[in-house]
């Protein structure tokens, strides 16, 4: 069974990025085999501060680190705030990157997507996010970027997107995550591992 942590870069209720992750969850539920999707809220973490870390952080920080450490992969969807990921997401990654040499992000299979009501779909936030994840030692999934433009106008059902083209793109990225988490790279191996 693969356990995937879903992390939205937005703290807003009814966020388009949370809808992306709800779609990923639905895709996982429909795949053969057993796959567990668990959400991690960036809003629950305090601002990073070294003295708080030295005092063993907080229950929310410890819980986030344990959740990511125990997962097979991490799937992040972010909005773009002035061309970058939001501060709440960066703060969460700062916590998860600590302590140095023992980060739960180190070697963690990680996928990145973005969504925005704008035409570019938050794509300009992805390079900065990928750069931070690489610095943290995450293992980024190689896949064509998924950026959901005009996300506010797309049909939503039960909090998830239903547009067939978008669902197909997210399914491709989700399969790549599962394949990478399983240590498989060939397309045939991916299909075989999921049946």
C-alpha atoms as a PDB file:
ATOM      1  CA  UNK A   1       0.000   0.000   0.000  1.00  0.00           C
ATOM      2  CA  UNK A   2       1.297   3.454  -0.910  1.00  0.00           C
ATOM      3  CA  UNK A   3       0.725   6.318   1.530  1.00  0.00           C
ATOM      4  CA  UNK A   4       0.664   9.764  -0.078  1.00  0.00           C
ATOM      5  CA  UNK A   5       0.652  13.029   1.881  1.00  0.00           C
ATOM      6  CA  UNK A   6      -1.303  15.787   0.130  1.00  0.00           C
ATOM      7  CA  UNK A   7      -0.251  19.363   0.934  1.00  0.00           C
ATOM      8  CA  UNK A   8      -2.026  22.459  -0.376  1.00  0.00           C
ATOM      9  CA  UNK A   9      -0.064  25.691  -0.439  1.00  0.00           C
ATOM     10  CA  UNK A  10      -3.285  27.606   0.178  1.00  0.00           C
ATOM     11  CA  UNK A  11      -4.951  28.096   3.543  1.00  0.00           C
ATOM     12  CA  UNK A  12      -8.142  29.401   1.949  1.00  0.00           C
ATOM     13  CA  UNK A  13     -11.344  27.429   2.265  1.00  0.00           C
ATOM     14  CA  UNK A  14     -12.545  26.180  -1.141  1.00  0.00           C
ATOM     15  CA  UNK A  15      -9.062  26.749  -2.576  1.00  0.00           C
ATOM     16  CA  UNK A  16      -8.528  25.647  -6.167  1.00  0.00           C
ATOM     17  CA  UNK A  17      -5.324  23.918  -5.045  1.00  0.00           C
ATOM     18  CA  UNK A  18      -7.201  21.961  -2.410  1.00  0.00           C
ATOM     19  CA  UNK A  19      -9.590  20.941  -5.211  1.00  0.00           C
ATOM     20  CA  UNK A  20      -6.581  19.689  -7.202  1.00  0.00           C
ATOM     21  CA  UNK A  21      -5.575  17.509  -4.263  1.00  0.00           C
ATOM     22  CA  UNK A  22      -9.148  16.291  -3.777  1.00  0.00           C
ATOM     23  CA  UNK A  23      -9.025  15.202  -7.417  1.00  0.00           C
ATOM     24  CA  UNK A  24      -5.754  13.361  -6.793  1.00  0.00           C
ATOM     25  CA  UNK A  25      -7.340  11.651  -3.774  1.00  0.00           C
ATOM     26  CA  UNK A  26     -10.284  10.554  -5.946  1.00  0.00           C
ATOM     27  CA  UNK A  27      -7.893   9.226  -8.594  1.00  0.00           C
ATOM     28  CA  UNK A  28      -5.996   7.223  -5.969  1.00  0.00           C
ATOM     29  CA  UNK A  29      -9.240   5.759  -4.644  1.00  0.00           C
ATOM     30  CA  UNK A  30     -10.131   4.567  -8.147  1.00  0.00           C
ATOM     31  CA  UNK A  31      -6.826   2.844  -8.882  1.00  0.00           C
ATOM     32  CA  UNK A  32      -6.290  -0.878  -8.383  1.00  0.00           C
ATOM     33  CA  UNK A  33      -4.562  -1.809  -5.145  1.00  0.00           C
ATOM     34  CA  UNK A  34      -4.607   0.039  -1.845  1.00  0.00           C
ATOM     35  CA  UNK A  35      -3.515   3.671  -1.678  1.00  0.00           C
ATOM     36  CA  UNK A  36      -3.896   5.951   1.322  1.00  0.00           C
ATOM     37  CA  UNK A  37      -4.078   9.734   0.916  1.00  0.00           C
ATOM     38  CA  UNK A  38      -3.636  11.930   3.999  1.00  0.00           C
ATOM     39  CA  UNK A  39      -3.841  15.738   4.052  1.00  0.00           C
ATOM     40  CA  UNK A  40      -1.319  17.967   5.820  1.00  0.00           C
ATOM     41  CA  UNK A  41      -2.519  21.521   6.538  1.00  0.00           C
ATOM     42  CA  UNK A  42       0.159  24.209   6.341  1.00  0.00           C
ATOM     43  CA  UNK A  43      -2.112  26.517   8.347  1.00  0.00           C
ATOM     44  CA  UNK A  44      -1.628  24.466  11.523  1.00  0.00           C
ATOM     45  CA  UNK A  45       2.115  25.090  11.778  1.00  0.00           C
ATOM     46  CA  UNK A  46       3.530  28.022  13.762  1.00  0.00           C
ATOM     47  CA  UNK A  47       6.003  30.402  12.160  1.00  0.00           C
ATOM     48  CA  UNK A  48       9.429  28.792  12.058  1.00  0.00           C
ATOM     49  CA  UNK A  49      11.685  30.048  14.812  1.00  0.00           C
ATOM     50  CA  UNK A  50      14.975  28.466  15.932  1.00  0.00           C
ATOM     51  CA  UNK A  51      14.319  28.686  19.661  1.00  0.00           C
ATOM     52  CA  UNK A  52      10.965  26.940  19.204  1.00  0.00           C
ATOM     53  CA  UNK A  53      12.716  24.214  17.229  1.00  0.00           C
ATOM     54  CA  UNK A  54      15.337  23.807  19.964  1.00  0.00           C
ATOM     55  CA  UNK A  55      12.487  23.418  22.452  1.00  0.00           C
ATOM     56  CA  UNK A  56      11.236  20.468  20.330  1.00  0.00           C
ATOM     57  CA  UNK A  57       8.890  22.511  18.169  1.00  0.00           C
ATOM     58  CA  UNK A  58       5.178  22.028  18.762  1.00  0.00           C
ATOM     59  CA  UNK A  59       2.744  19.130  18.607  1.00  0.00           C
ATOM     60  CA  UNK A  60       1.667  20.279  15.124  1.00  0.00           C
ATOM     61  CA  UNK A  61       5.271  20.349  13.887  1.00  0.00           C
ATOM     62  CA  UNK A  62       6.074  16.943  15.358  1.00  0.00           C
ATOM     63  CA  UNK A  63       2.899  15.517  13.835  1.00  0.00           C
ATOM     64  CA  UNK A  64       3.716  16.963  10.401  1.00  0.00           C
ATOM     65  CA  UNK A  65       7.235  15.536  10.470  1.00  0.00           C
ATOM     66  CA  UNK A  66       5.971  12.101  11.526  1.00  0.00           C
ATOM     67  CA  UNK A  67       3.299  12.154   8.821  1.00  0.00           C
ATOM     68  CA  UNK A  68       5.772  12.983   6.035  1.00  0.00           C
ATOM     69  CA  UNK A  69       8.437  10.610   7.385  1.00  0.00           C
ATOM     70  CA  UNK A  70       5.943   7.734   7.359  1.00  0.00           C
ATOM     71  CA  UNK A  71       4.675   8.409   3.840  1.00  0.00           C
ATOM     72  CA  UNK A  72       5.879   6.964   0.553  1.00  0.00           C
ATOM     73  CA  UNK A  73       5.420  10.252  -1.277  1.00  0.00           C
ATOM     74  CA  UNK A  74       4.398  13.885  -0.976  1.00  0.00           C
ATOM     75  CA  UNK A  75       2.098  15.665  -3.463  1.00  0.00           C
ATOM     76  CA  UNK A  76       2.040  19.475  -3.259  1.00  0.00           C
ATOM     77  CA  UNK A  77      -0.251  21.863  -5.130  1.00  0.00           C
ATOM     78  CA  UNK A  78       0.478  25.570  -4.788  1.00  0.00           C
ATOM     79  CA  UNK A  79      -0.957  28.905  -5.820  1.00  0.00           C
ATOM     80  CA  UNK A  80       1.319  31.689  -7.011  1.00  0.00           C
ATOM     81  CA  UNK A  81       1.658  34.739  -4.788  1.00  0.00           C
ATOM     82  CA  UNK A  82       3.615  37.388  -6.702  1.00  0.00           C
ATOM     83  CA  UNK A  83       5.287  34.666  -8.718  1.00  0.00           C
ATOM     84  CA  UNK A  84       6.300  32.507  -5.749  1.00  0.00           C
ATOM     85  CA  UNK A  85       4.827  29.920  -3.401  1.00  0.00           C
ATOM     86  CA  UNK A  86       2.866  31.347  -0.443  1.00  0.00           C
ATOM     87  CA  UNK A  87       4.677  32.042   2.812  1.00  0.00           C
ATOM     88  CA  UNK A  88       2.615  29.421   4.670  1.00  0.00           C
ATOM     89  CA  UNK A  89       3.901  26.695   2.344  1.00  0.00           C
ATOM     90  CA  UNK A  90       7.506  27.923   2.575  1.00  0.00           C
ATOM     91  CA  UNK A  91       7.146  27.961   6.364  1.00  0.00           C
ATOM     92  CA  UNK A  92       5.926  24.351   6.353  1.00  0.00           C
ATOM     93  CA  UNK A  93       8.888  23.293   4.215  1.00  0.00           C
ATOM     94  CA  UNK A  94      11.265  25.167   6.540  1.00  0.00           C
ATOM     95  CA  UNK A  95       9.932  23.105   9.443  1.00  0.00           C
ATOM     96  CA  UNK A  96      10.052  19.863   7.470  1.00  0.00           C
ATOM     97  CA  UNK A  97      13.646  20.556   6.419  1.00  0.00           C
ATOM     98  CA  UNK A  98      14.799  20.484  10.055  1.00  0.00           C
ATOM     99  CA  UNK A  99      16.889  19.275  11.706  1.00  0.00           C
ATOM    100  CA  UNK A 100      19.673  19.272   9.133  1.00  0.00           C
ATOM    101  CA  UNK A 101      20.603  15.752   8.105  1.00  0.00           C
ATOM    102  CA  UNK A 102      17.388  14.303   9.546  1.00  0.00           C
ATOM    103  CA  UNK A 103      14.739  15.985   7.420  1.00  0.00           C
ATOM    104  CA  UNK A 104      11.718  13.840   6.527  1.00  0.00           C
ATOM    105  CA  UNK A 105      11.940  15.464   3.079  1.00  0.00           C
ATOM    106  CA  UNK A 106      15.330  13.899   2.404  1.00  0.00           C
ATOM    107  CA  UNK A 107      14.861  11.310  -0.328  1.00  0.00           C
ATOM    108  CA  UNK A 108      11.076  11.724  -0.226  1.00  0.00           C
ATOM    109  CA  UNK A 109       9.381  11.196  -3.592  1.00  0.00           C
ATOM    110  CA  UNK A 110       7.629  14.518  -4.240  1.00  0.00           C
ATOM    111  CA  UNK A 111       5.324  15.817  -6.976  1.00  0.00           C
ATOM    112  CA  UNK A 112       4.442  19.443  -7.624  1.00  0.00           C
ATOM    113  CA  UNK A 113       1.387  20.962  -9.284  1.00  0.00           C
ATOM    114  CA  UNK A 114      -0.200  24.405  -9.193  1.00  0.00           C
ATOM    115  CA  UNK A 115      -3.561  26.023  -9.815  1.00  0.00           C
ATOM    116  CA  UNK A 116      -4.861  29.553 -10.165  1.00  0.00           C
ATOM    117  CA  UNK A 117      -7.851  31.434 -11.547  1.00  0.00           C
ATOM    118  CA  UNK A 118      -5.318  33.107 -13.868  1.00  0.00           C
ATOM    119  CA  UNK A 119      -4.373  31.775 -17.279  1.00  0.00           C
ATOM    120  CA  UNK A 120      -0.899  30.533 -16.253  1.00  0.00           C
ATOM    121  CA  UNK A 121      -2.256  28.347 -13.484  1.00  0.00           C
ATOM    122  CA  UNK A 122       0.375  29.358 -10.932  1.00  0.00           C
ATOM    123  CA  UNK A 123       3.132  27.936 -13.118  1.00  0.00           C
ATOM    124  CA  UNK A 124       5.550  30.720 -12.143  1.00  0.00           C
ATOM    125  CA  UNK A 125       5.519  29.480  -8.521  1.00  0.00           C
ATOM    126  CA  UNK A 126       6.710  25.992  -9.444  1.00  0.00           C
ATOM    127  CA  UNK A 127      10.435  26.679 -10.092  1.00  0.00           C
ATOM    128  CA  UNK A 128      10.934  28.306  -6.680  1.00  0.00           C
ATOM    129  CA  UNK A 129       9.061  25.481  -4.952  1.00  0.00           C
ATOM    130  CA  UNK A 130      11.075  22.857  -6.813  1.00  0.00           C
ATOM    131  CA  UNK A 131      14.288  24.679  -5.902  1.00  0.00           C
ATOM    132  CA  UNK A 132      13.452  24.643  -2.183  1.00  0.00           C
ATOM    133  CA  UNK A 133      12.461  20.977  -2.317  1.00  0.00           C
ATOM    134  CA  UNK A 134      15.732  20.074  -4.030  1.00  0.00           C
ATOM    135  CA  UNK A 135      17.687  21.963  -1.357  1.00  0.00           C
ATOM    136  CA  UNK A 136      15.804  19.889   1.215  1.00  0.00           C
ATOM    137  CA  UNK A 137      16.892  16.680  -0.536  1.00  0.00           C
ATOM    138  CA  UNK A 138      13.456  15.698  -1.871  1.00  0.00           C
ATOM    139  CA  UNK A 139      13.301  13.346  -4.853  1.00  0.00           C
ATOM    140  CA  UNK A 140      11.286  15.282  -7.442  1.00  0.00           C
ATOM    141  CA  UNK A 141       9.078  13.291  -9.804  1.00  0.00           C
ATOM    142  CA  UNK A 142      10.049  13.871 -13.431  1.00  0.00           C
ATOM    143  CA  UNK A 143       6.871  14.796 -15.276  1.00  0.00           C
ATOM    144  CA  UNK A 144       5.503  17.477 -17.575  1.00  0.00           C
ATOM    145  CA  UNK A 145       4.416  20.416 -15.347  1.00  0.00           C
ATOM    146  CA  UNK A 146       0.766  20.393 -14.327  1.00  0.00           C
ATOM    147  CA  UNK A 147      -0.515  23.963 -13.932  1.00  0.00           C
ATOM    148  CA  UNK A 148      -4.282  24.424 -13.828  1.00  0.00           C
ATOM    149  CA  UNK A 149      -5.222  27.726 -15.429  1.00  0.00           C
ATOM    150  CA  UNK A 150      -8.683  29.240 -15.146  1.00  0.00           C
ATOM    151  CA  UNK A 151      -9.215  26.927 -12.193  1.00  0.00           C
ATOM    152  CA  UNK A 152     -12.049  28.943 -10.708  1.00  0.00           C
ATOM    153  CA  UNK A 153     -14.207  28.380 -13.784  1.00  0.00           C
ATOM    154  CA  UNK A 154     -13.777  24.593 -13.973  1.00  0.00           C
ATOM    155  CA  UNK A 155     -16.580  22.264 -12.902  1.00  0.00           C
ATOM    156  CA  UNK A 156     -16.291  20.913  -9.367  1.00  0.00           C
ATOM    157  CA  UNK A 157     -18.151  17.978  -7.848  1.00  0.00           C
ATOM    158  CA  UNK A 158     -17.785  17.089  -4.158  1.00  0.00           C
ATOM    159  CA  UNK A 159     -14.818  19.478  -3.944  1.00  0.00           C
ATOM    160  CA  UNK A 160     -12.896  17.903  -6.842  1.00  0.00           C
ATOM    161  CA  UNK A 161     -12.480  18.694 -10.530  1.00  0.00           C
ATOM    162  CA  UNK A 162     -14.330  16.667 -13.143  1.00  0.00           C
ATOM    163  CA  UNK A 163     -12.906  18.117 -16.366  1.00  0.00           C
ATOM    164  CA  UNK A 164     -11.698  15.011 -18.270  1.00  0.00           C
ATOM    165  CA  UNK A 165      -8.566  16.673 -19.685  1.00  0.00           C
ATOM    166  CA  UNK A 166      -7.480  17.931 -16.275  1.00  0.00           C
ATOM    167  CA  UNK A 167      -8.296  14.642 -14.562  1.00  0.00           C
ATOM    168  CA  UNK A 168      -6.200  12.878 -17.208  1.00  0.00           C
ATOM    169  CA  UNK A 169      -3.210  15.161 -16.563  1.00  0.00           C
ATOM    170  CA  UNK A 170      -3.475  14.690 -12.806  1.00  0.00           C
ATOM    171  CA  UNK A 171      -3.847  10.945 -13.255  1.00  0.00           C
ATOM    172  CA  UNK A 172      -0.616  10.891 -15.271  1.00  0.00           C
ATOM    173  CA  UNK A 173       1.222  12.752 -12.509  1.00  0.00           C
ATOM    174  CA  UNK A 174      -0.327  10.521  -9.830  1.00  0.00           C
ATOM    175  CA  UNK A 175       0.777   7.364 -11.670  1.00  0.00           C
ATOM    176  CA  UNK A 176       4.278   8.827 -11.981  1.00  0.00           C
ATOM    177  CA  UNK A 177       4.310   9.432  -8.208  1.00  0.00           C
ATOM    178  CA  UNK A 178       3.268   5.855  -7.474  1.00  0.00           C
ATOM    179  CA  UNK A 179       5.797   4.467  -9.941  1.00  0.00           C
ATOM    180  CA  UNK A 180       8.612   6.541  -8.450  1.00  0.00           C
ATOM    181  CA  UNK A 181       7.596   5.594  -4.908  1.00  0.00           C
ATOM    182  CA  UNK A 182       7.711   1.943  -5.954  1.00  0.00           C
ATOM    183  CA  UNK A 183      11.151   2.390  -7.481  1.00  0.00           C
ATOM    184  CA  UNK A 184       9.842   1.715 -10.977  1.00  0.00           C
ATOM    185  CA  UNK A 185      10.601   3.799 -14.028  1.00  0.00           C
ATOM    186  CA  UNK A 186       9.422   1.931 -17.112  1.00  0.00           C
ATOM    187  CA  UNK A 187       5.893   2.631 -18.328  1.00  0.00           C
ATOM    188  CA  UNK A 188       5.165  -1.101 -18.451  1.00  0.00           C
ATOM    189  CA  UNK A 189       6.382  -1.520 -14.899  1.00  0.00           C
ATOM    190  CA  UNK A 190       4.085   1.295 -13.772  1.00  0.00           C
ATOM    191  CA  UNK A 191       1.021  -0.362 -15.225  1.00  0.00           C
ATOM    192  CA  UNK A 192       1.989  -3.772 -13.856  1.00  0.00           C
ATOM    193  CA  UNK A 193       2.593  -2.383 -10.354  1.00  0.00           C
ATOM    194  CA  UNK A 194      -0.885  -0.862 -10.181  1.00  0.00           C
ATOM    195  CA  UNK A 195      -2.874  -4.008 -11.001  1.00  0.00           C
END
